[in-house]
Structures are given as structure tokens and as C-alpha cells.
Amino acid sequence: MKRSFVFGLFVIAIGSFALAQTTTNVEQEIRQIEEQLRVATIKSDVAVLERLLADDYTNVNPNGLVRTRTEVIADVKSGAAKTTALELSNIKVRVYGDAAVLTCDATVKSQLRGQDTSGQLRRMRIFARRQGRWQAVALQQTRIAK
């Protein structure tokens, strides 16, 4: 009986460790994808954006403009959207099964369709795991109150 109890605790401990490892690995993967998106945004790398933004992606910029994946990519291709600097800090990732939420602060220098969108922002990006791979499905950006 005592032996079964100890074995049961061992199995629970190993399972908890495996779950923690999996969550940690997903958090790292999400951080890497966010870094790829950050670099692609600065470099106007449409191929990376097409790969990492889901077909149903929604972007809400700091001025409240809502854009689809198609609109975001079209703005990058045409040069209507241009980001020259984007630094992220205070990055946190929470994993919920096949969904993950990344929050961070951002310092950005950017323009969209002739309008300055630069500033200090709070960002929340939502990711979903579909068909075995992670993609961004939404981004909400809000100006940090001074």
C-alpha cells in the first residue's frame, strides 16, 4: 500500500514536470514567433507575415483602426505601413491549451497611411495552434497613458 502511494506520487510529480516543460516550451516558441513578427514588421518582410498571421487575423492599432490580415499585408506591400523601430519589453506569455496570450510594452516609431502611429504602447497578441503550428490571430495595441 505504501509502495503504491509513493509510486502514485512519483507519477503525479513526473506528469507535473512534463506539463511544466511543455508550457515552458510553448512560451519560448511564442516569444520566438513574436520576435520574428517584430523583425518582419521592421523589414517589411511580407513572406514572414503571410506565414505567421492567420487567415482570420485581426489587428487593432493604437488609433482604433481595425484591419484584417489582407489589409495589414497590403499596407506593408504598398509601403502605406512603415515601422522603423519597434522595441518590446515586459513580455509575458500565458498558455491556455491551443491558445496563448502575449502581453508586452512597446516603443514604436511607425506610420500608417500617412498618420503617425508612434509611441509607447501596451500590446496584447493572441496566438492559436492550428494544424500543429502557432499563428497570430489578433493584435490589440493601446497607448500608455502619460
C-alpha atoms as a PDB file:
ATOM      1  CA  MET A   1       0.000   0.000   0.000  1.00  0.00           C
ATOM      2  CA  LYS A   2       2.756   2.412   0.997  1.00  0.00           C
ATOM      3  CA  ARG A   3       4.689   1.447  -2.130  1.00  0.00           C
ATOM      4  CA  SER A   4       1.633   2.171  -4.350  1.00  0.00           C
ATOM      5  CA  PHE A   5       1.168   5.542  -2.681  1.00  0.00           C
ATOM      6  CA  VAL A   6       4.798   6.534  -3.272  1.00  0.00           C
ATOM      7  CA  PHE A   7       4.604   5.318  -6.871  1.00  0.00           C
ATOM      8  CA  GLY A   8       1.411   7.371  -7.354  1.00  0.00           C
ATOM      9  CA  LEU A   9       3.129  10.500  -6.040  1.00  0.00           C
ATOM     10  CA  PHE A  10       6.055   9.810  -8.354  1.00  0.00           C
ATOM     11  CA  VAL A  11       3.738   9.545 -11.380  1.00  0.00           C
ATOM     12  CA  ILE A  12       1.979  12.796 -10.425  1.00  0.00           C
ATOM     13  CA  ALA A  13       5.327  14.566  -9.965  1.00  0.00           C
ATOM     14  CA  ILE A  14       6.617  13.375 -13.342  1.00  0.00           C
ATOM     15  CA  GLY A  15       3.355  14.394 -15.027  1.00  0.00           C
ATOM     16  CA  SER A  16       3.508  17.841 -13.451  1.00  0.00           C
ATOM     17  CA  PHE A  17       7.112  18.254 -14.535  1.00  0.00           C
ATOM     18  CA  ALA A  18       6.245  17.210 -18.101  1.00  0.00           C
ATOM     19  CA  LEU A  19       3.341  19.682 -18.179  1.00  0.00           C
ATOM     20  CA  ALA A  20       5.595  22.465 -16.877  1.00  0.00           C
ATOM     21  CA  GLN A  21       8.193  21.618 -19.518  1.00  0.00           C
ATOM     22  CA  THR A  22       5.557  21.676 -22.256  1.00  0.00           C
ATOM     23  CA  THR A  23       4.170  25.038 -21.100  1.00  0.00           C
ATOM     24  CA  THR A  24       7.691  26.473 -20.875  1.00  0.00           C
ATOM     25  CA  ASN A  25       8.484  25.229 -24.375  1.00  0.00           C
ATOM     26  CA  VAL A  26       5.293  26.793 -25.758  1.00  0.00           C
ATOM     27  CA  GLU A  27       6.082  30.086 -24.009  1.00  0.00           C
ATOM     28  CA  GLN A  28       9.530  30.091 -25.621  1.00  0.00           C
ATOM     29  CA  GLU A  29       8.049  29.260 -29.028  1.00  0.00           C
ATOM     30  CA  ILE A  30       5.525  32.108 -28.744  1.00  0.00           C
ATOM     31  CA  ARG A  31       8.312  34.528 -27.756  1.00  0.00           C
ATOM     32  CA  GLN A  32      10.320  33.412 -30.800  1.00  0.00           C
ATOM     33  CA  ILE A  33       7.338  33.914 -33.106  1.00  0.00           C
ATOM     34  CA  GLU A  34       6.752  37.377 -31.649  1.00  0.00           C
ATOM     35  CA  GLU A  35      10.406  38.225 -32.305  1.00  0.00           C
ATOM     36  CA  GLN A  36      10.040  37.012 -35.890  1.00  0.00           C
ATOM     37  CA  LEU A  37       6.958  39.227 -36.270  1.00  0.00           C
ATOM     38  CA  ARG A  38       8.826  42.196 -34.747  1.00  0.00           C
ATOM     39  CA  VAL A  39      11.720  41.834 -37.196  1.00  0.00           C
ATOM     40  CA  ALA A  40       9.381  41.201 -40.152  1.00  0.00           C
ATOM     41  CA  THR A  41       7.447  44.360 -39.287  1.00  0.00           C
ATOM     42  CA  ILE A  42      10.611  46.486 -39.332  1.00  0.00           C
ATOM     43  CA  LYS A  43      11.936  44.841 -42.513  1.00  0.00           C
ATOM     44  CA  SER A  44       8.529  44.834 -44.242  1.00  0.00           C
ATOM     45  CA  ASP A  45       9.002  41.090 -44.770  1.00  0.00           C
ATOM     46  CA  VAL A  46       5.683  40.084 -46.294  1.00  0.00           C
ATOM     47  CA  ALA A  47       6.625  36.382 -46.593  1.00  0.00           C
ATOM     48  CA  VAL A  48       7.105  36.080 -42.824  1.00  0.00           C
ATOM     49  CA  LEU A  49       3.870  37.950 -42.138  1.00  0.00           C
ATOM     50  CA  GLU A  50       1.955  35.689 -44.525  1.00  0.00           C
ATOM     51  CA  ARG A  51       3.326  32.625 -42.729  1.00  0.00           C
ATOM     52  CA  LEU A  52       2.764  33.807 -39.145  1.00  0.00           C
ATOM     53  CA  LEU A  53      -0.532  35.714 -39.406  1.00  0.00           C
ATOM     54  CA  ALA A  54      -3.630  33.501 -39.508  1.00  0.00           C
ATOM     55  CA  ASP A  55      -6.143  33.943 -42.327  1.00  0.00           C
ATOM     56  CA  ASP A  56      -8.651  35.363 -39.802  1.00  0.00           C
ATOM     57  CA  TYR A  57      -6.101  37.705 -38.168  1.00  0.00           C
ATOM     58  CA  THR A  58      -7.417  40.990 -36.765  1.00  0.00           C
ATOM     59  CA  ASN A  59      -5.231  43.996 -35.914  1.00  0.00           C
ATOM     60  CA  VAL A  60      -6.459  46.934 -33.831  1.00  0.00           C
ATOM     61  CA  ASN A  61      -3.940  49.763 -33.948  1.00  0.00           C
ATOM     62  CA  PRO A  62      -3.414  52.453 -31.270  1.00  0.00           C
ATOM     63  CA  ASN A  63      -5.766  54.828 -33.098  1.00  0.00           C
ATOM     64  CA  GLY A  64      -8.591  52.262 -33.083  1.00  0.00           C
ATOM     65  CA  LEU A  65      -8.357  51.256 -36.745  1.00  0.00           C
ATOM     66  CA  VAL A  66      -9.355  47.613 -37.236  1.00  0.00           C
ATOM     67  CA  ARG A  67      -7.609  45.787 -40.086  1.00  0.00           C
ATOM     68  CA  THR A  68      -7.705  42.247 -41.423  1.00  0.00           C
ATOM     69  CA  ARG A  69      -4.700  40.132 -42.389  1.00  0.00           C
ATOM     70  CA  THR A  70      -5.278  41.057 -46.029  1.00  0.00           C
ATOM     71  CA  GLU A  71      -5.283  44.778 -45.203  1.00  0.00           C
ATOM     72  CA  VAL A  72      -2.200  44.541 -42.965  1.00  0.00           C
ATOM     73  CA  ILE A  73      -0.214  42.717 -45.642  1.00  0.00           C
ATOM     74  CA  ALA A  74      -1.441  45.042 -48.412  1.00  0.00           C
ATOM     75  CA  ASP A  75      -0.375  48.090 -46.354  1.00  0.00           C
ATOM     76  CA  VAL A  76       3.091  46.597 -45.833  1.00  0.00           C
ATOM     77  CA  LYS A  77       3.457  45.673 -49.521  1.00  0.00           C
ATOM     78  CA  SER A  78       2.403  49.130 -50.704  1.00  0.00           C
ATOM     79  CA  GLY A  79       4.528  50.992 -48.144  1.00  0.00           C
ATOM     80  CA  ALA A  80       1.417  52.526 -46.534  1.00  0.00           C
ATOM     81  CA  ALA A  81       2.507  50.872 -43.269  1.00  0.00           C
ATOM     82  CA  LYS A  82       6.077  51.513 -42.238  1.00  0.00           C
ATOM     83  CA  THR A  83       7.722  50.708 -38.918  1.00  0.00           C
ATOM     84  CA  THR A  84      11.295  51.892 -38.497  1.00  0.00           C
ATOM     85  CA  ALA A  85      11.753  50.942 -34.837  1.00  0.00           C
ATOM     86  CA  LEU A  86       9.965  48.507 -32.532  1.00  0.00           C
ATOM     87  CA  GLU A  87      11.316  47.534 -29.121  1.00  0.00           C
ATOM     88  CA  LEU A  88       9.412  45.202 -26.805  1.00  0.00           C
ATOM     89  CA  SER A  89       9.730  44.892 -23.024  1.00  0.00           C
ATOM     90  CA  ASN A  90       7.907  43.311 -20.083  1.00  0.00           C
ATOM     91  CA  ILE A  91       6.938  40.353 -22.261  1.00  0.00           C
ATOM     92  CA  LYS A  92       4.634  37.837 -20.602  1.00  0.00           C
ATOM     93  CA  VAL A  93       3.125  34.733 -22.166  1.00  0.00           C
ATOM     94  CA  ARG A  94       0.195  32.730 -20.821  1.00  0.00           C
ATOM     95  CA  VAL A  95      -0.745  29.434 -22.425  1.00  0.00           C
ATOM     96  CA  TYR A  96      -4.294  28.060 -22.497  1.00  0.00           C
ATOM     97  CA  GLY A  97      -4.123  24.752 -24.335  1.00  0.00           C
ATOM     98  CA  ASP A  98      -4.155  25.592 -28.052  1.00  0.00           C
ATOM     99  CA  ALA A  99      -4.272  29.341 -27.363  1.00  0.00           C
ATOM    100  CA  ALA A 100      -1.683  31.709 -25.948  1.00  0.00           C
ATOM    101  CA  VAL A 101      -1.734  35.367 -24.961  1.00  0.00           C
ATOM    102  CA  LEU A 102       1.382  37.517 -25.169  1.00  0.00           C
ATOM    103  CA  THR A 103       1.349  40.903 -23.448  1.00  0.00           C
ATOM    104  CA  CYS A 104       4.130  43.467 -23.539  1.00  0.00           C
ATOM    105  CA  ASP A 105       5.056  47.110 -23.664  1.00  0.00           C
ATOM    106  CA  ALA A 106       6.318  48.514 -26.946  1.00  0.00           C
ATOM    107  CA  THR A 107       8.184  51.584 -28.050  1.00  0.00           C
ATOM    108  CA  VAL A 108       7.433  52.076 -31.720  1.00  0.00           C
ATOM    109  CA  LYS A 109       8.222  54.533 -34.470  1.00  0.00           C
ATOM    110  CA  SER A 110       5.723  53.977 -37.256  1.00  0.00           C
ATOM    111  CA  GLN A 111       3.305  55.432 -39.764  1.00  0.00           C
ATOM    112  CA  LEU A 112       0.134  54.081 -41.294  1.00  0.00           C
ATOM    113  CA  ARG A 113      -1.397  55.669 -44.357  1.00  0.00           C
ATOM    114  CA  GLY A 114       0.319  58.965 -43.620  1.00  0.00           C
ATOM    115  CA  GLN A 115      -0.732  59.037 -39.961  1.00  0.00           C
ATOM    116  CA  ASP A 116       1.887  58.826 -37.200  1.00  0.00           C
ATOM    117  CA  THR A 117       1.279  55.751 -35.029  1.00  0.00           C
ATOM    118  CA  SER A 118       4.489  56.084 -32.997  1.00  0.00           C
ATOM    119  CA  GLY A 119       4.566  55.987 -29.236  1.00  0.00           C
ATOM    120  CA  GLN A 120       4.616  53.943 -26.065  1.00  0.00           C
ATOM    121  CA  LEU A 121       2.101  51.125 -26.355  1.00  0.00           C
ATOM    122  CA  ARG A 122       0.672  48.194 -24.458  1.00  0.00           C
ATOM    123  CA  ARG A 123       0.162  45.226 -26.721  1.00  0.00           C
ATOM    124  CA  MET A 124      -1.781  42.024 -26.451  1.00  0.00           C
ATOM    125  CA  ARG A 125      -1.320  39.423 -29.161  1.00  0.00           C
ATOM    126  CA  ILE A 126      -3.393  36.239 -29.290  1.00  0.00           C
ATOM    127  CA  PHE A 127      -1.979  33.063 -30.811  1.00  0.00           C
ATOM    128  CA  ALA A 128      -3.749  29.830 -31.756  1.00  0.00           C
ATOM    129  CA  ARG A 129      -2.259  26.444 -32.516  1.00  0.00           C
ATOM    130  CA  ARG A 130      -3.871  25.107 -35.660  1.00  0.00           C
ATOM    131  CA  GLN A 131      -2.825  22.010 -37.538  1.00  0.00           C
ATOM    132  CA  GLY A 132       0.211  21.686 -35.287  1.00  0.00           C
ATOM    133  CA  ARG A 133       1.614  25.195 -35.683  1.00  0.00           C
ATOM    134  CA  TRP A 134       1.206  28.505 -33.912  1.00  0.00           C
ATOM    135  CA  GLN A 135      -0.108  31.600 -35.695  1.00  0.00           C
ATOM    136  CA  ALA A 136      -1.074  35.067 -34.529  1.00  0.00           C
ATOM    137  CA  VAL A 137      -4.846  35.577 -34.690  1.00  0.00           C
ATOM    138  CA  ALA A 138      -5.174  39.052 -33.160  1.00  0.00           C
ATOM    139  CA  LEU A 139      -3.215  42.102 -32.008  1.00  0.00           C
ATOM    140  CA  GLN A 140      -4.620  44.905 -29.849  1.00  0.00           C
ATOM    141  CA  GLN A 141      -2.446  47.966 -29.206  1.00  0.00           C
ATOM    142  CA  THR A 142      -3.256  50.753 -26.779  1.00  0.00           C
ATOM    143  CA  ARG A 143      -1.332  53.910 -25.976  1.00  0.00           C
ATOM    144  CA  ILE A 144       0.187  54.008 -22.496  1.00  0.00           C
ATOM    145  CA  ALA A 145      -1.305  56.892 -20.526  1.00  0.00           C
ATOM    146  CA  LYS A 146       1.248  59.511 -19.539  1.00  0.00           C
END
